[in-house]
C-alpha cells in the first residue's frame, strides 16, 4: 500500500514537471517577469570569432591578388 502511494506521488510529480515545461515554452514571458533566453553565449562568441577569422583570411587573400595584378 505504501509503495502504491509513493509510485502515485512520483508519477504526479513527473506529470507536473512536464506540464510546467510545456507551459514555459508556450508563455516565455511568465518566468521571472521578463523574457527568458536559452542562447549559448559561449557558442555564439566562438561562431563570431570563426566568422571574423574567415573574413580576415579572405581580405588577406584578396589583397594579395590585387597586389599581384598591379605588378
PDB file of N, CA and C in Angstrom:
ATOM      1  N   UNK A   1       0.820  -1.196   0.000  1.00  0.00           N
ATOM      2  CA  UNK A   1       0.000   0.000   0.000  1.00  0.00           C
ATOM      3  C   UNK A   1       0.866   1.263   0.000  1.00  0.00           C
ATOM      4  N   UNK A   2       1.921   1.267   0.806  1.00  0.00           N
ATOM      5  CA  UNK A   2       2.808   2.423   0.900  1.00  0.00           C
ATOM      6  C   UNK A   2       3.561   2.630  -0.414  1.00  0.00           C
ATOM      7  N   UNK A   3       3.945   1.530  -1.076  1.00  0.00           N
ATOM      8  CA  UNK A   3       4.633   1.630  -2.360  1.00  0.00           C
ATOM      9  C   UNK A   3       3.732   2.228  -3.432  1.00  0.00           C
ATOM     10  N   UNK A   4       2.431   1.917  -3.367  1.00  0.00           N
ATOM     11  CA  UNK A   4       1.488   2.475  -4.339  1.00  0.00           C
ATOM     12  C   UNK A   4       1.383   3.996  -4.177  1.00  0.00           C
ATOM     13  N   UNK A   5       1.388   4.472  -2.943  1.00  0.00           N
ATOM     14  CA  UNK A   5       1.319   5.913  -2.698  1.00  0.00           C
ATOM     15  C   UNK A   5       2.582   6.613  -3.208  1.00  0.00           C
ATOM     16  N   UNK A   6       3.739   5.996  -2.968  1.00  0.00           N
ATOM     17  CA  UNK A   6       4.994   6.573  -3.445  1.00  0.00           C
ATOM     18  C   UNK A   6       5.031   6.620  -4.973  1.00  0.00           C
ATOM     19  N   UNK A   7       4.550   5.543  -5.604  1.00  0.00           N
ATOM     20  CA  UNK A   7       4.525   5.495  -7.063  1.00  0.00           C
ATOM     21  C   UNK A   7       3.586   6.559  -7.620  1.00  0.00           C
ATOM     22  N   UNK A   8       2.422   6.714  -7.002  1.00  0.00           N
ATOM     23  CA  UNK A   8       1.461   7.723  -7.448  1.00  0.00           C
ATOM     24  C   UNK A   8       2.040   9.128  -7.277  1.00  0.00           C
ATOM     25  N   UNK A   9       2.730   9.375  -6.161  1.00  0.00           N
ATOM     26  CA  UNK A   9       3.330  10.688  -5.917  1.00  0.00           C
ATOM     27  C   UNK A   9       4.436  10.972  -6.927  1.00  0.00           C
ATOM     28  N   UNK A  10       5.241   9.967  -7.252  1.00  0.00           N
ATOM     29  CA  UNK A  10       6.319  10.156  -8.226  1.00  0.00           C
ATOM     30  C   UNK A  10       5.749  10.441  -9.609  1.00  0.00           C
ATOM     31  N   UNK A  11       4.716   9.729 -10.002  1.00  0.00           N
ATOM     32  CA  UNK A  11       4.093   9.944 -11.312  1.00  0.00           C
ATOM     33  C   UNK A  11       3.461  11.327 -11.367  1.00  0.00           C
ATOM     34  N   UNK A  12       2.811  11.743 -10.287  1.00  0.00           N
ATOM     35  CA  UNK A  12       2.203  13.071 -10.246  1.00  0.00           C
ATOM     36  C   UNK A  12       3.270  14.165 -10.353  1.00  0.00           C
ATOM     37  N   UNK A  13       4.399  13.959  -9.673  1.00  0.00           N
ATOM     38  CA  UNK A  13       5.470  14.958  -9.724  1.00  0.00           C
ATOM     39  C   UNK A  13       6.047  15.069 -11.134  1.00  0.00           C
ATOM     40  N   UNK A  14       6.240  13.943 -11.798  1.00  0.00           N
ATOM     41  CA  UNK A  14       6.773  13.969 -13.166  1.00  0.00           C
ATOM     42  C   UNK A  14       5.784  14.635 -14.103  1.00  0.00           C
ATOM     43  N   UNK A  15       4.502  14.323 -13.962  1.00  0.00           N
ATOM     44  CA  UNK A  15       3.482  14.956 -14.807  1.00  0.00           C
ATOM     45  C   UNK A  15       3.444  16.457 -14.592  1.00  0.00           C
ATOM     46  N   UNK A  16       3.552  16.906 -13.346  1.00  0.00           N
ATOM     47  CA  UNK A  16       3.537  18.345 -13.044  1.00  0.00           C
ATOM     48  C   UNK A  16       4.758  19.029 -13.661  1.00  0.00           C
ATOM     49  N   UNK A  17       5.895  18.384 -13.565  1.00  0.00           N
ATOM     50  CA  UNK A  17       7.112  18.953 -14.145  1.00  0.00           C
ATOM     51  C   UNK A  17       6.970  19.093 -15.657  1.00  0.00           C
ATOM     52  N   UNK A  18       6.432  18.071 -16.290  1.00  0.00           N
ATOM     53  CA  UNK A  18       6.257  18.123 -17.747  1.00  0.00           C
ATOM     54  C   UNK A  18       5.254  19.205 -18.132  1.00  0.00           C
ATOM     55  N   UNK A  19       4.198  19.389 -17.355  1.00  0.00           N
ATOM     56  CA  UNK A  19       3.232  20.451 -17.632  1.00  0.00           C
ATOM     57  C   UNK A  19       3.878  21.823 -17.489  1.00  0.00           C
ATOM     58  N   UNK A  20       4.734  21.988 -16.485  1.00  0.00           N
ATOM     59  CA  UNK A  20       5.424  23.263 -16.298  1.00  0.00           C
ATOM     60  C   UNK A  20       6.360  23.560 -17.464  1.00  0.00           C
ATOM     61  N   UNK A  21       7.060  22.547 -17.967  1.00  0.00           N
ATOM     62  CA  UNK A  21       7.944  22.736 -19.109  1.00  0.00           C
ATOM     63  C   UNK A  21       7.164  23.164 -20.345  1.00  0.00           C
ATOM     64  N   UNK A  22       6.034  22.540 -20.590  1.00  0.00           N
ATOM     65  CA  UNK A  22       5.212  22.875 -21.755  1.00  0.00           C
ATOM     66  C   UNK A  22       4.675  24.286 -21.628  1.00  0.00           C
ATOM     67  N   UNK A  23       4.185  24.652 -20.454  1.00  0.00           N
ATOM     68  CA  UNK A  23       3.638  25.994 -20.285  1.00  0.00           C
ATOM     69  C   UNK A  23       4.730  27.053 -20.383  1.00  0.00           C
ATOM     70  N   UNK A  24       5.958  26.719 -19.985  1.00  0.00           N
ATOM     71  CA  UNK A  24       7.074  27.665 -20.102  1.00  0.00           C
ATOM     72  C   UNK A  24       7.389  27.947 -21.560  1.00  0.00           C
ATOM     73  N   UNK A  25       7.307  26.939 -22.400  1.00  0.00           N
ATOM     74  CA  UNK A  25       7.582  27.142 -23.819  1.00  0.00           C
ATOM     75  C   UNK A  25       6.464  27.917 -24.502  1.00  0.00           C
ATOM     76  N   UNK A  26       5.258  27.766 -24.015  1.00  0.00           N
ATOM     77  CA  UNK A  26       4.125  28.498 -24.602  1.00  0.00           C
ATOM     78  C   UNK A  26       4.129  29.952 -24.177  1.00  0.00           C
ATOM     79  N   UNK A  27       4.523  30.236 -22.934  1.00  0.00           N
ATOM     80  CA  UNK A  27       4.492  31.589 -22.386  1.00  0.00           C
ATOM     81  C   UNK A  27       5.852  31.937 -21.790  1.00  0.00           C
ATOM     82  N   UNK A  28       6.816  32.263 -22.615  1.00  0.00           N
ATOM     83  CA  UNK A  28       8.163  32.528 -22.070  1.00  0.00           C
ATOM     84  C   UNK A  28       8.249  33.783 -21.222  1.00  0.00           C
ATOM     85  N   UNK A  29       7.278  34.712 -21.328  1.00  0.00           N
ATOM     86  CA  UNK A  29       7.362  35.959 -20.564  1.00  0.00           C
ATOM     87  C   UNK A  29       6.882  35.792 -19.134  1.00  0.00           C
ATOM     88  N   UNK A  30       6.272  34.665 -18.791  1.00  0.00           N
ATOM     89  CA  UNK A  30       5.756  34.477 -17.443  1.00  0.00           C
ATOM     90  C   UNK A  30       6.858  34.182 -16.439  1.00  0.00           C
ATOM     91  N   UNK A  31       7.972  33.682 -16.874  1.00  0.00           N
ATOM     92  CA  UNK A  31       9.051  33.320 -15.963  1.00  0.00           C
ATOM     93  C   UNK A  31       9.865  34.549 -15.594  1.00  0.00           C
ATOM     94  N   UNK A  32      10.009  34.804 -14.327  1.00  0.00           N
ATOM     95  CA  UNK A  32      10.780  35.935 -13.782  1.00  0.00           C
ATOM     96  C   UNK A  32      10.272  37.287 -14.265  1.00  0.00           C
ATOM     97  N   UNK A  33       9.075  37.346 -14.783  1.00  0.00           N
ATOM     98  CA  UNK A  33       8.505  38.618 -15.185  1.00  0.00           C
ATOM     99  C   UNK A  33       9.095  39.195 -16.449  1.00  0.00           C
ATOM    100  N   UNK A  34       9.956  38.497 -17.140  1.00  0.00           N
ATOM    101  CA  UNK A  34      10.579  39.014 -18.353  1.00  0.00           C
ATOM    102  C   UNK A  34      10.848  37.902 -19.331  1.00  0.00           C
ATOM    103  N   UNK A  35      11.547  38.224 -20.368  1.00  0.00           N
ATOM    104  CA  UNK A  35      11.861  37.217 -21.369  1.00  0.00           C
ATOM    105  C   UNK A  35      12.989  36.317 -20.882  1.00  0.00           C
ATOM    106  N   UNK A  36      12.871  35.048 -21.204  1.00  0.00           N
ATOM    107  CA  UNK A  36      13.938  34.120 -20.874  1.00  0.00           C
ATOM    108  C   UNK A  36      14.753  33.854 -22.122  1.00  0.00           C
ATOM    109  N   UNK A  37      15.992  33.600 -21.933  1.00  0.00           N
ATOM    110  CA  UNK A  37      16.866  33.339 -23.070  1.00  0.00           C
ATOM    111  C   UNK A  37      17.625  32.057 -22.824  1.00  0.00           C
ATOM    112  N   UNK A  38      17.638  31.190 -23.812  1.00  0.00           N
ATOM    113  CA  UNK A  38      18.403  29.956 -23.710  1.00  0.00           C
ATOM    114  C   UNK A  38      19.541  29.974 -24.717  1.00  0.00           C
ATOM    115  N   UNK A  39      19.995  31.152 -25.062  1.00  0.00           N
ATOM    116  CA  UNK A  39      21.066  31.273 -26.030  1.00  0.00           C
ATOM    117  C   UNK A  39      22.400  30.933 -25.370  1.00  0.00           C
ATOM    118  N   UNK A  40      23.201  30.170 -26.056  1.00  0.00           N
ATOM    119  CA  UNK A  40      24.512  29.789 -25.556  1.00  0.00           C
ATOM    120  C   UNK A  40      25.496  30.896 -25.911  1.00  0.00           C
ATOM    121  N   UNK A  41      25.856  31.701 -24.923  1.00  0.00           N
ATOM    122  CA  UNK A  41      26.714  32.864 -25.159  1.00  0.00           C
ATOM    123  C   UNK A  41      28.095  32.432 -25.643  1.00  0.00           C
ATOM    124  N   UNK A  42      28.648  31.372 -25.051  1.00  0.00           N
ATOM    125  CA  UNK A  42      29.975  30.920 -25.451  1.00  0.00           C
ATOM    126  C   UNK A  42      29.948  30.400 -26.886  1.00  0.00           C
ATOM    127  N   UNK A  43      28.879  29.715 -27.259  1.00  0.00           N
ATOM    128  CA  UNK A  43      28.765  29.201 -28.619  1.00  0.00           C
ATOM    129  C   UNK A  43      28.668  30.319 -29.636  1.00  0.00           C
ATOM    130  N   UNK A  44      27.897  31.350 -29.315  1.00  0.00           N
ATOM    131  CA  UNK A  44      27.751  32.491 -30.224  1.00  0.00           C
ATOM    132  C   UNK A  44      29.082  33.219 -30.363  1.00  0.00           C
ATOM    133  N   UNK A  45      29.788  33.379 -29.260  1.00  0.00           N
ATOM    134  CA  UNK A  45      31.076  34.056 -29.295  1.00  0.00           C
ATOM    135  C   UNK A  45      32.081  33.285 -30.152  1.00  0.00           C
ATOM    136  N   UNK A  46      32.096  31.969 -30.005  1.00  0.00           N
ATOM    137  CA  UNK A  46      33.006  31.153 -30.805  1.00  0.00           C
ATOM    138  C   UNK A  46      32.676  31.224 -32.280  1.00  0.00           C
ATOM    139  N   UNK A  47      31.411  31.187 -32.603  1.00  0.00           N
ATOM    140  CA  UNK A  47      30.986  31.271 -34.007  1.00  0.00           C
ATOM    141  C   UNK A  47      31.351  32.639 -34.582  1.00  0.00           C
ATOM    142  N   UNK A  48      31.175  33.682 -33.799  1.00  0.00           N
ATOM    143  CA  UNK A  48      31.525  35.028 -34.253  1.00  0.00           C
ATOM    144  C   UNK A  48      33.020  35.124 -34.529  1.00  0.00           C
ATOM    145  N   UNK A  49      33.835  34.538 -33.672  1.00  0.00           N
ATOM    146  CA  UNK A  49      35.286  34.549 -33.885  1.00  0.00           C
ATOM    147  C   UNK A  49      35.667  33.795 -35.155  1.00  0.00           C
ATOM    148  N   UNK A  50      35.004  32.663 -35.404  1.00  0.00           N
ATOM    149  CA  UNK A  50      35.280  31.898 -36.615  1.00  0.00           C
ATOM    150  C   UNK A  50      34.940  32.712 -37.867  1.00  0.00           C
ATOM    151  N   UNK A  51      33.804  33.386 -37.832  1.00  0.00           N
ATOM    152  CA  UNK A  51      33.398  34.185 -38.988  1.00  0.00           C
ATOM    153  C   UNK A  51      34.350  35.357 -39.210  1.00  0.00           C
ATOM    154  N   UNK A  52      34.804  35.984 -38.124  1.00  0.00           N
ATOM    155  CA  UNK A  52      35.735  37.098 -38.242  1.00  0.00           C
ATOM    156  C   UNK A  52      37.070  36.631 -38.809  1.00  0.00           C
ATOM    157  N   UNK A  53      37.550  35.488 -38.360  1.00  0.00           N
ATOM    158  CA  UNK A  53      38.811  34.946 -38.865  1.00  0.00           C
ATOM    159  C   UNK A  53      38.704  34.632 -40.350  1.00  0.00           C
ATOM    160  N   UNK A  54      37.584  34.067 -40.753  1.00  0.00           N
ATOM    161  CA  UNK A  54      37.384  33.760 -42.169  1.00  0.00           C
ATOM    162  C   UNK A  54      37.365  35.033 -43.013  1.00  0.00           C
ATOM    163  N   UNK A  55      36.710  36.068 -42.505  1.00  0.00           N
ATOM    164  CA  UNK A  55      36.675  37.343 -43.222  1.00  0.00           C
ATOM    165  C   UNK A  55      38.078  37.927 -43.361  1.00  0.00           C
ATOM    166  N   UNK A  56      38.863  37.875 -42.287  1.00  0.00           N
ATOM    167  CA  UNK A  56      40.229  38.407 -42.349  1.00  0.00           C
ATOM    168  C   UNK A  56      41.088  37.623 -43.336  1.00  0.00           C
ATOM    169  N   UNK A  57      40.919  36.302 -43.363  1.00  0.00           N
ATOM    170  CA  UNK A  57      41.685  35.493 -44.304  1.00  0.00           C
ATOM    171  C   UNK A  57      41.291  35.818 -45.748  1.00  0.00           C
ATOM    172  N   UNK A  58      40.009  36.036 -45.986  1.00  0.00           N
ATOM    173  CA  UNK A  58      39.562  36.388 -47.334  1.00  0.00           C
ATOM    174  C   UNK A  58      40.109  37.749 -47.744  1.00  0.00           C
ATOM    175  N   UNK A  59      40.077  38.708 -46.839  1.00  0.00           N
ATOM    176  CA  UNK A  59      40.620  40.031 -47.159  1.00  0.00           C
ATOM    177  C   UNK A  59      42.111  39.949 -47.467  1.00  0.00           C
ATOM    178  N   UNK A  60      42.830  39.150 -46.703  1.00  0.00           N
ATOM    179  CA  UNK A  60      44.266  38.990 -46.941  1.00  0.00           C
ATOM    180  C   UNK A  60      44.518  38.379 -48.321  1.00  0.00           C
ATOM    181  N   UNK A  61      43.707  37.371 -48.675  1.00  0.00           N
ATOM    182  CA  UNK A  61      43.848  36.729 -49.983  1.00  0.00           C
ATOM    183  C   UNK A  61      43.545  37.712 -51.106  1.00  0.00           C
ATOM    184  N   UNK A  62      42.471  38.470 -50.951  1.00  0.00           N
ATOM    185  CA  UNK A  62      42.103  39.425 -51.998  1.00  0.00           C
ATOM    186  C   UNK A  62      43.132  40.531 -52.130  1.00  0.00           C
ATOM    187  N   UNK A  63      43.726  40.952 -51.020  1.00  0.00           N
ATOM    188  CA  UNK A  63      44.771  41.974 -51.087  1.00  0.00           C
ATOM    189  C   UNK A  63      45.998  41.450 -51.817  1.00  0.00           C
ATOM    190  N   UNK A  64      46.356  40.184 -51.595  1.00  0.00           N
ATOM    191  CA  UNK A  64      47.493  39.590 -52.303  1.00  0.00           C
ATOM    192  C   UNK A  64      47.197  39.484 -53.793  1.00  0.00           C
ATOM    193  N   UNK A  65      45.968  39.096 -54.138  1.00  0.00           N
ATOM    194  CA  UNK A  65      45.592  39.009 -55.545  1.00  0.00           C
ATOM    195  C   UNK A  65      45.633  40.391 -56.204  1.00  0.00           C
ATOM    196  N   UNK A  66      45.148  41.392 -55.507  1.00  0.00           N
ATOM    197  CA  UNK A  66      45.116  42.729 -56.067  1.00  0.00           C
ATOM    198  C   UNK A  66      46.519  43.263 -56.282  1.00  0.00           C
ATOM    199  N   UNK A  67      47.413  42.986 -55.326  1.00  0.00           N
ATOM    200  CA  UNK A  67      48.784  43.494 -55.472  1.00  0.00           C
ATOM    201  C   UNK A  67      49.523  42.753 -56.586  1.00  0.00           C
ATOM    202  N   UNK A  68      49.202  41.473 -56.818  1.00  0.00           N
ATOM    203  CA  UNK A  68      49.862  40.738 -57.896  1.00  0.00           C
ATOM    204  C   UNK A  68      49.329  41.168 -59.266  1.00  0.00           C
ATOM    205  N   UNK A  69      48.099  41.625 -59.332  1.00  0.00           N
ATOM    206  CA  UNK A  69      47.532  42.108 -60.599  1.00  0.00           C
ATOM    207  C   UNK A  69      48.102  43.455 -60.989  1.00  0.00           C
ATOM    208  N   UNK A  70      48.437  44.282 -60.007  1.00  0.00           N
ATOM    209  CA  UNK A  70      49.002  45.619 -60.275  1.00  0.00           C
ATOM    210  C   UNK A  70      50.422  45.505 -60.792  1.00  0.00           C
ATOM    211  N   UNK A  71      51.149  44.511 -60.354  1.00  0.00           N
ATOM    212  CA  UNK A  71      52.555  44.394 -60.735  1.00  0.00           C
ATOM    213  C   UNK A  71      52.743  43.870 -62.128  1.00  0.00           C
TER     214      UNK A  71
END
